[in-house]
Amino acid sequence: MDFNFNKNHILEDAAVLLRPLQESDAEHLLEISENEPETWTYSQVKANGKENLSNYIKIAVEARKRKEQFPFIVLDKKSGQYAGSTRFYDINFPQKTLQLGFTWYGSAFRGTGLNKHCKFLLLQFAFETLQMERVEFRADANNERSIAAMKSIGCTVEGILRSTMYTGEGESRRDSIILSILKKEWFDSVK
């Protein structure tokens, strides 16, 4: 199966709307980008500041055109404000796997339940529309907040990959924790 990731594909429920990220969305995310530096602590591709944010979005949009990634902007319906971004990446249709990540939200949206709504919609789309067999999540092994969020939605910890990549801060490297949800788990217990 292949899927045409187009710029009109929307996922939504009563709390959140996810729509494909566009280069013009930089204006909606600029306040978080410029005023919340802690958001980028564990990010491989920094989106802090106008120039970095524009570059971050441009890279994501180009990857969508190549069908390598599918980035979304996240709208919190309760407040009517844009909360952040998330995406599918490392999409492998022949093997029916993908990764879900590059997720970040402004501080006003963390711990509000918004992430659970987003992940539900994304997982539902991955397993029920795209017919994926496995959705993988990765994070810096030191990113406790992100790891707790992944466990809270039903992810199973698979292990730690040691020294997997540079942190983006000089020559230091990070260990990455790997978590996943399988299609059977989605239908049996996670959903």
C-alpha atoms as a PDB file:
ATOM      1  CA  MET A   1       0.000   0.000   0.000  1.00  0.00           C
ATOM      2  CA  ASP A   2       1.104   3.520  -0.680  1.00  0.00           C
ATOM      3  CA  PHE A   3      -0.616   6.632   0.528  1.00  0.00           C
ATOM      4  CA  ASN A   4      -0.813  10.075  -0.977  1.00  0.00           C
ATOM      5  CA  PHE A   5       0.146  12.402   1.861  1.00  0.00           C
ATOM      6  CA  ASN A   6      -1.376  15.615   0.640  1.00  0.00           C
ATOM      7  CA  LYS A   7      -1.659  19.030   2.156  1.00  0.00           C
ATOM      8  CA  ASN A   8      -5.414  18.675   2.650  1.00  0.00           C
ATOM      9  CA  HIS A   9      -5.432  15.613   4.929  1.00  0.00           C
ATOM     10  CA  ILE A  10      -6.860  16.544   8.362  1.00  0.00           C
ATOM     11  CA  LEU A  11      -7.205  14.525  11.572  1.00  0.00           C
ATOM     12  CA  GLU A  12      -9.472  15.885  14.304  1.00  0.00           C
ATOM     13  CA  ASP A  13     -11.674  15.223  17.282  1.00  0.00           C
ATOM     14  CA  ALA A  14     -13.497  17.527  19.713  1.00  0.00           C
ATOM     15  CA  ALA A  15     -10.245  18.715  21.344  1.00  0.00           C
ATOM     16  CA  VAL A  16      -7.630  18.935  18.606  1.00  0.00           C
ATOM     17  CA  LEU A  17      -7.116  19.403  14.875  1.00  0.00           C
ATOM     18  CA  LEU A  18      -4.013  18.173  13.068  1.00  0.00           C
ATOM     19  CA  ARG A  19      -3.454  19.401   9.551  1.00  0.00           C
ATOM     20  CA  PRO A  20      -0.447  19.107   7.262  1.00  0.00           C
ATOM     21  CA  LEU A  21       2.303  21.563   8.163  1.00  0.00           C
ATOM     22  CA  GLN A  22       2.920  24.324   5.585  1.00  0.00           C
ATOM     23  CA  GLU A  23       5.812  26.763   5.293  1.00  0.00           C
ATOM     24  CA  SER A  24       3.402  29.623   6.052  1.00  0.00           C
ATOM     25  CA  ASP A  25       2.725  28.040   9.484  1.00  0.00           C
ATOM     26  CA  ALA A  26       5.925  29.547  10.868  1.00  0.00           C
ATOM     27  CA  GLU A  27       3.899  32.610  11.897  1.00  0.00           C
ATOM     28  CA  HIS A  28       1.591  30.404  14.032  1.00  0.00           C
ATOM     29  CA  LEU A  29       4.484  28.769  15.907  1.00  0.00           C
ATOM     30  CA  LEU A  30       6.883  31.702  16.181  1.00  0.00           C
ATOM     31  CA  GLU A  31       5.914  32.742  19.709  1.00  0.00           C
ATOM     32  CA  ILE A  32       6.738  29.278  21.090  1.00  0.00           C
ATOM     33  CA  SER A  33       9.872  29.127  18.960  1.00  0.00           C
ATOM     34  CA  GLU A  34      11.249  32.411  20.239  1.00  0.00           C
ATOM     35  CA  ASN A  35      10.047  32.446  23.846  1.00  0.00           C
ATOM     36  CA  GLU A  36      10.305  28.846  25.082  1.00  0.00           C
ATOM     37  CA  PRO A  37      13.927  27.690  24.697  1.00  0.00           C
ATOM     38  CA  GLU A  38      13.378  24.612  26.903  1.00  0.00           C
ATOM     39  CA  THR A  39      11.198  23.194  24.122  1.00  0.00           C
ATOM     40  CA  TRP A  40      14.337  22.444  22.076  1.00  0.00           C
ATOM     41  CA  THR A  41      16.468  20.841  24.810  1.00  0.00           C
ATOM     42  CA  TYR A  42      16.204  17.333  23.335  1.00  0.00           C
ATOM     43  CA  SER A  43      15.535  18.233  19.699  1.00  0.00           C
ATOM     44  CA  GLN A  44      17.907  17.090  16.977  1.00  0.00           C
ATOM     45  CA  VAL A  45      16.771  19.844  14.628  1.00  0.00           C
ATOM     46  CA  LYS A  46      16.357  23.041  16.597  1.00  0.00           C
ATOM     47  CA  ALA A  47      13.429  25.321  15.790  1.00  0.00           C
ATOM     48  CA  ASN A  48      14.309  28.121  18.172  1.00  0.00           C
ATOM     49  CA  GLY A  49      14.084  31.555  16.598  1.00  0.00           C
ATOM     50  CA  LYS A  50      12.534  32.672  13.341  1.00  0.00           C
ATOM     51  CA  GLU A  51      15.302  31.437  11.026  1.00  0.00           C
ATOM     52  CA  ASN A  52      15.605  28.011  12.675  1.00  0.00           C
ATOM     53  CA  LEU A  53      11.821  27.579  12.741  1.00  0.00           C
ATOM     54  CA  SER A  54      11.528  28.413   9.035  1.00  0.00           C
ATOM     55  CA  ASN A  55      14.313  25.939   8.263  1.00  0.00           C
ATOM     56  CA  TYR A  56      12.709  23.255  10.457  1.00  0.00           C
ATOM     57  CA  ILE A  57       9.379  23.614   8.650  1.00  0.00           C
ATOM     58  CA  LYS A  58      10.989  23.760   5.204  1.00  0.00           C
ATOM     59  CA  ILE A  59      12.858  20.486   5.855  1.00  0.00           C
ATOM     60  CA  ALA A  60       9.621  18.832   7.045  1.00  0.00           C
ATOM     61  CA  VAL A  61       7.580  20.022   4.049  1.00  0.00           C
ATOM     62  CA  GLU A  62      10.273  18.872   1.591  1.00  0.00           C
ATOM     63  CA  ALA A  63      10.333  15.442   3.284  1.00  0.00           C
ATOM     64  CA  ARG A  64       6.547  15.206   2.828  1.00  0.00           C
ATOM     65  CA  LYS A  65       6.917  15.941  -0.887  1.00  0.00           C
ATOM     66  CA  ARG A  66       9.353  12.997  -1.083  1.00  0.00           C
ATOM     67  CA  LYS A  67       6.846  10.833   0.898  1.00  0.00           C
ATOM     68  CA  GLU A  68       9.460  10.283   3.621  1.00  0.00           C
ATOM     69  CA  GLN A  69       7.608  12.122   6.382  1.00  0.00           C
ATOM     70  CA  PHE A  70       4.178  13.534   7.119  1.00  0.00           C
ATOM     71  CA  PRO A  71       4.387  16.583   9.420  1.00  0.00           C
ATOM     72  CA  PHE A  72       1.367  18.149  11.108  1.00  0.00           C
ATOM     73  CA  ILE A  73       0.687  21.420  12.878  1.00  0.00           C
ATOM     74  CA  VAL A  74      -1.439  20.973  16.014  1.00  0.00           C
ATOM     75  CA  LEU A  75      -4.381  23.260  16.797  1.00  0.00           C
ATOM     76  CA  ASP A  76      -5.864  23.193  20.303  1.00  0.00           C
ATOM     77  CA  LYS A  77      -9.591  23.649  19.656  1.00  0.00           C
ATOM     78  CA  LYS A  78     -10.376  24.719  23.218  1.00  0.00           C
ATOM     79  CA  SER A  79      -8.137  27.790  23.079  1.00  0.00           C
ATOM     80  CA  GLY A  80      -8.161  28.223  19.297  1.00  0.00           C
ATOM     81  CA  GLN A  81      -4.353  28.445  19.402  1.00  0.00           C
ATOM     82  CA  TYR A  82      -1.667  26.502  17.574  1.00  0.00           C
ATOM     83  CA  ALA A  83       0.072  24.287  20.124  1.00  0.00           C
ATOM     84  CA  GLY A  84       3.025  22.779  18.252  1.00  0.00           C
ATOM     85  CA  SER A  85       3.882  20.100  15.745  1.00  0.00           C
ATOM     86  CA  THR A  86       4.265  16.324  15.314  1.00  0.00           C
ATOM     87  CA  ARG A  87       4.932  13.937  12.438  1.00  0.00           C
ATOM     88  CA  PHE A  88       5.218  10.485  10.967  1.00  0.00           C
ATOM     89  CA  TYR A  89       8.712   9.672   9.674  1.00  0.00           C
ATOM     90  CA  ASP A  90      10.803   6.689   8.539  1.00  0.00           C
ATOM     91  CA  ILE A  91       7.663   5.480   6.774  1.00  0.00           C
ATOM     92  CA  ASN A  92       8.161   2.002   5.313  1.00  0.00           C
ATOM     93  CA  PHE A  93       5.056   0.818   3.446  1.00  0.00           C
ATOM     94  CA  PRO A  94       6.479  -2.571   2.335  1.00  0.00           C
ATOM     95  CA  GLN A  95       7.288  -3.459   5.967  1.00  0.00           C
ATOM     96  CA  LYS A  96       4.203  -1.642   7.335  1.00  0.00           C
ATOM     97  CA  THR A  97       6.142   0.394   9.894  1.00  0.00           C
ATOM     98  CA  LEU A  98       6.661   4.037  10.709  1.00  0.00           C
ATOM     99  CA  GLN A  99       7.943   6.224  13.484  1.00  0.00           C
ATOM    100  CA  LEU A 100       5.931   8.899  15.257  1.00  0.00           C
ATOM    101  CA  GLY A 101       7.879  11.786  16.696  1.00  0.00           C
ATOM    102  CA  PHE A 102       9.348  15.253  16.252  1.00  0.00           C
ATOM    103  CA  THR A 103       6.570  16.147  18.698  1.00  0.00           C
ATOM    104  CA  TRP A 104       6.711  19.421  20.587  1.00  0.00           C
ATOM    105  CA  TYR A 105       4.148  21.678  22.215  1.00  0.00           C
ATOM    106  CA  GLY A 106       4.267  25.074  23.830  1.00  0.00           C
ATOM    107  CA  SER A 107       4.339  25.045  27.639  1.00  0.00           C
ATOM    108  CA  ALA A 108       0.679  26.118  27.897  1.00  0.00           C
ATOM    109  CA  PHE A 109      -0.360  22.864  26.203  1.00  0.00           C
ATOM    110  CA  ARG A 110       1.844  20.389  28.059  1.00  0.00           C
ATOM    111  CA  GLY A 111       0.037  18.223  30.591  1.00  0.00           C
ATOM    112  CA  THR A 112      -3.413  19.298  29.348  1.00  0.00           C
ATOM    113  CA  GLY A 113      -4.358  16.021  27.640  1.00  0.00           C
ATOM    114  CA  LEU A 114      -3.744  17.517  24.201  1.00  0.00           C
ATOM    115  CA  ASN A 115      -0.929  15.044  23.475  1.00  0.00           C
ATOM    116  CA  LYS A 116      -3.173  12.045  24.201  1.00  0.00           C
ATOM    117  CA  HIS A 117      -5.775  13.343  21.757  1.00  0.00           C
ATOM    118  CA  CYS A 118      -3.088  13.879  19.097  1.00  0.00           C
ATOM    119  CA  LYS A 119      -1.526  10.468  19.612  1.00  0.00           C
ATOM    120  CA  PHE A 120      -4.921   8.741  19.500  1.00  0.00           C
ATOM    121  CA  LEU A 121      -5.721  10.331  16.133  1.00  0.00           C
ATOM    122  CA  LEU A 122      -2.258   9.590  14.745  1.00  0.00           C
ATOM    123  CA  LEU A 123      -2.246   5.979  15.939  1.00  0.00           C
ATOM    124  CA  GLN A 124      -5.774   5.421  14.670  1.00  0.00           C
ATOM    125  CA  PHE A 125      -4.711   6.760  11.273  1.00  0.00           C
ATOM    126  CA  ALA A 126      -1.518   4.675  11.242  1.00  0.00           C
ATOM    127  CA  PHE A 127      -3.165   1.377  12.169  1.00  0.00           C
ATOM    128  CA  GLU A 128      -6.627   1.740  10.663  1.00  0.00           C
ATOM    129  CA  THR A 129      -6.062   3.803   7.508  1.00  0.00           C
ATOM    130  CA  LEU A 130      -2.431   3.150   6.616  1.00  0.00           C
ATOM    131  CA  GLN A 131      -2.650  -0.466   7.885  1.00  0.00           C
ATOM    132  CA  MET A 132       0.689  -0.275   9.700  1.00  0.00           C
ATOM    133  CA  GLU A 133       1.803  -3.236  11.808  1.00  0.00           C
ATOM    134  CA  ARG A 134       4.154  -1.267  14.069  1.00  0.00           C
ATOM    135  CA  VAL A 135       4.511   2.322  15.206  1.00  0.00           C
ATOM    136  CA  GLU A 136       7.836   3.151  16.810  1.00  0.00           C
ATOM    137  CA  PHE A 137       8.743   6.012  19.111  1.00  0.00           C
ATOM    138  CA  ARG A 138      12.244   7.211  19.993  1.00  0.00           C
ATOM    139  CA  ALA A 139      13.500   9.767  22.449  1.00  0.00           C
ATOM    140  CA  ASP A 140      16.642  10.883  24.176  1.00  0.00           C
ATOM    141  CA  ALA A 141      16.987   8.408  27.054  1.00  0.00           C
ATOM    142  CA  ASN A 142      17.262  11.414  29.429  1.00  0.00           C
ATOM    143  CA  ASN A 143      13.984  13.008  28.288  1.00  0.00           C
ATOM    144  CA  GLU A 144      11.829  11.862  31.205  1.00  0.00           C
ATOM    145  CA  ARG A 145       8.777  13.934  30.252  1.00  0.00           C
ATOM    146  CA  SER A 146       8.640  12.490  26.738  1.00  0.00           C
ATOM    147  CA  ILE A 147       9.219   8.923  27.942  1.00  0.00           C
ATOM    148  CA  ALA A 148       6.440   9.236  30.538  1.00  0.00           C
ATOM    149  CA  ALA A 149       4.067  10.580  27.872  1.00  0.00           C
ATOM    150  CA  MET A 150       4.823   7.652  25.551  1.00  0.00           C
ATOM    151  CA  LYS A 151       4.305   5.101  28.322  1.00  0.00           C
ATOM    152  CA  SER A 152       1.019   6.774  29.290  1.00  0.00           C
ATOM    153  CA  ILE A 153      -0.459   6.146  25.827  1.00  0.00           C
ATOM    154  CA  GLY A 154       0.391   2.432  25.919  1.00  0.00           C
ATOM    155  CA  CYS A 155       3.868   2.207  24.424  1.00  0.00           C
ATOM    156  CA  THR A 156       6.062  -0.753  25.344  1.00  0.00           C
ATOM    157  CA  VAL A 157       9.708  -0.032  26.114  1.00  0.00           C
ATOM    158  CA  GLU A 158      11.948  -2.149  23.907  1.00  0.00           C
ATOM    159  CA  GLY A 159      15.349  -0.949  25.048  1.00  0.00           C
ATOM    160  CA  ILE A 160      18.113   1.586  24.767  1.00  0.00           C
ATOM    161  CA  LEU A 161      20.333   2.148  21.752  1.00  0.00           C
ATOM    162  CA  ARG A 162      23.638   3.473  23.013  1.00  0.00           C
ATOM    163  CA  SER A 163      25.365   6.509  21.503  1.00  0.00           C
ATOM    164  CA  THR A 164      22.977   6.650  18.548  1.00  0.00           C
ATOM    165  CA  MET A 165      23.466  10.232  17.413  1.00  0.00           C
ATOM    166  CA  TYR A 166      24.865  13.638  18.195  1.00  0.00           C
ATOM    167  CA  THR A 167      22.753  15.731  20.518  1.00  0.00           C
ATOM    168  CA  GLY A 168      23.081  18.871  18.431  1.00  0.00           C
ATOM    169  CA  GLU A 169      25.209  20.373  21.208  1.00  0.00           C
ATOM    170  CA  GLY A 170      28.790  20.051  20.007  1.00  0.00           C
ATOM    171  CA  GLU A 171      30.362  16.604  20.025  1.00  0.00           C
ATOM    172  CA  SER A 172      28.216  15.006  22.731  1.00  0.00           C
ATOM    173  CA  ARG A 173      26.136  11.968  21.817  1.00  0.00           C
ATOM    174  CA  ARG A 174      22.899  10.608  23.190  1.00  0.00           C
ATOM    175  CA  ASP A 175      21.446   7.237  24.015  1.00  0.00           C
ATOM    176  CA  SER A 176      17.980   6.683  22.510  1.00  0.00           C
ATOM    177  CA  ILE A 177      15.125   4.816  24.147  1.00  0.00           C
ATOM    178  CA  ILE A 178      12.952   2.782  21.765  1.00  0.00           C
ATOM    179  CA  LEU A 179       9.252   2.198  22.437  1.00  0.00           C
ATOM    180  CA  SER A 180       6.508   0.831  20.217  1.00  0.00           C
ATOM    181  CA  ILE A 181       2.888  -0.117  19.769  1.00  0.00           C
ATOM    182  CA  LEU A 182       1.932  -3.056  17.550  1.00  0.00           C
ATOM    183  CA  LYS A 183      -1.285  -3.275  15.525  1.00  0.00           C
ATOM    184  CA  LYS A 184      -2.597  -6.158  17.665  1.00  0.00           C
ATOM    185  CA  GLU A 185      -1.917  -4.144  20.840  1.00  0.00           C
ATOM    186  CA  TRP A 186      -3.742  -1.148  19.367  1.00  0.00           C
ATOM    187  CA  PHE A 187      -6.913  -3.161  18.811  1.00  0.00           C
ATOM    188  CA  ASP A 188      -6.611  -5.386  21.918  1.00  0.00           C
ATOM    189  CA  SER A 189      -5.776  -2.856  24.623  1.00  0.00           C
ATOM    190  CA  VAL A 190      -4.302   0.511  23.656  1.00  0.00           C
ATOM    191  CA  LYS A 191      -7.210   1.955  21.668  1.00  0.00           C
END
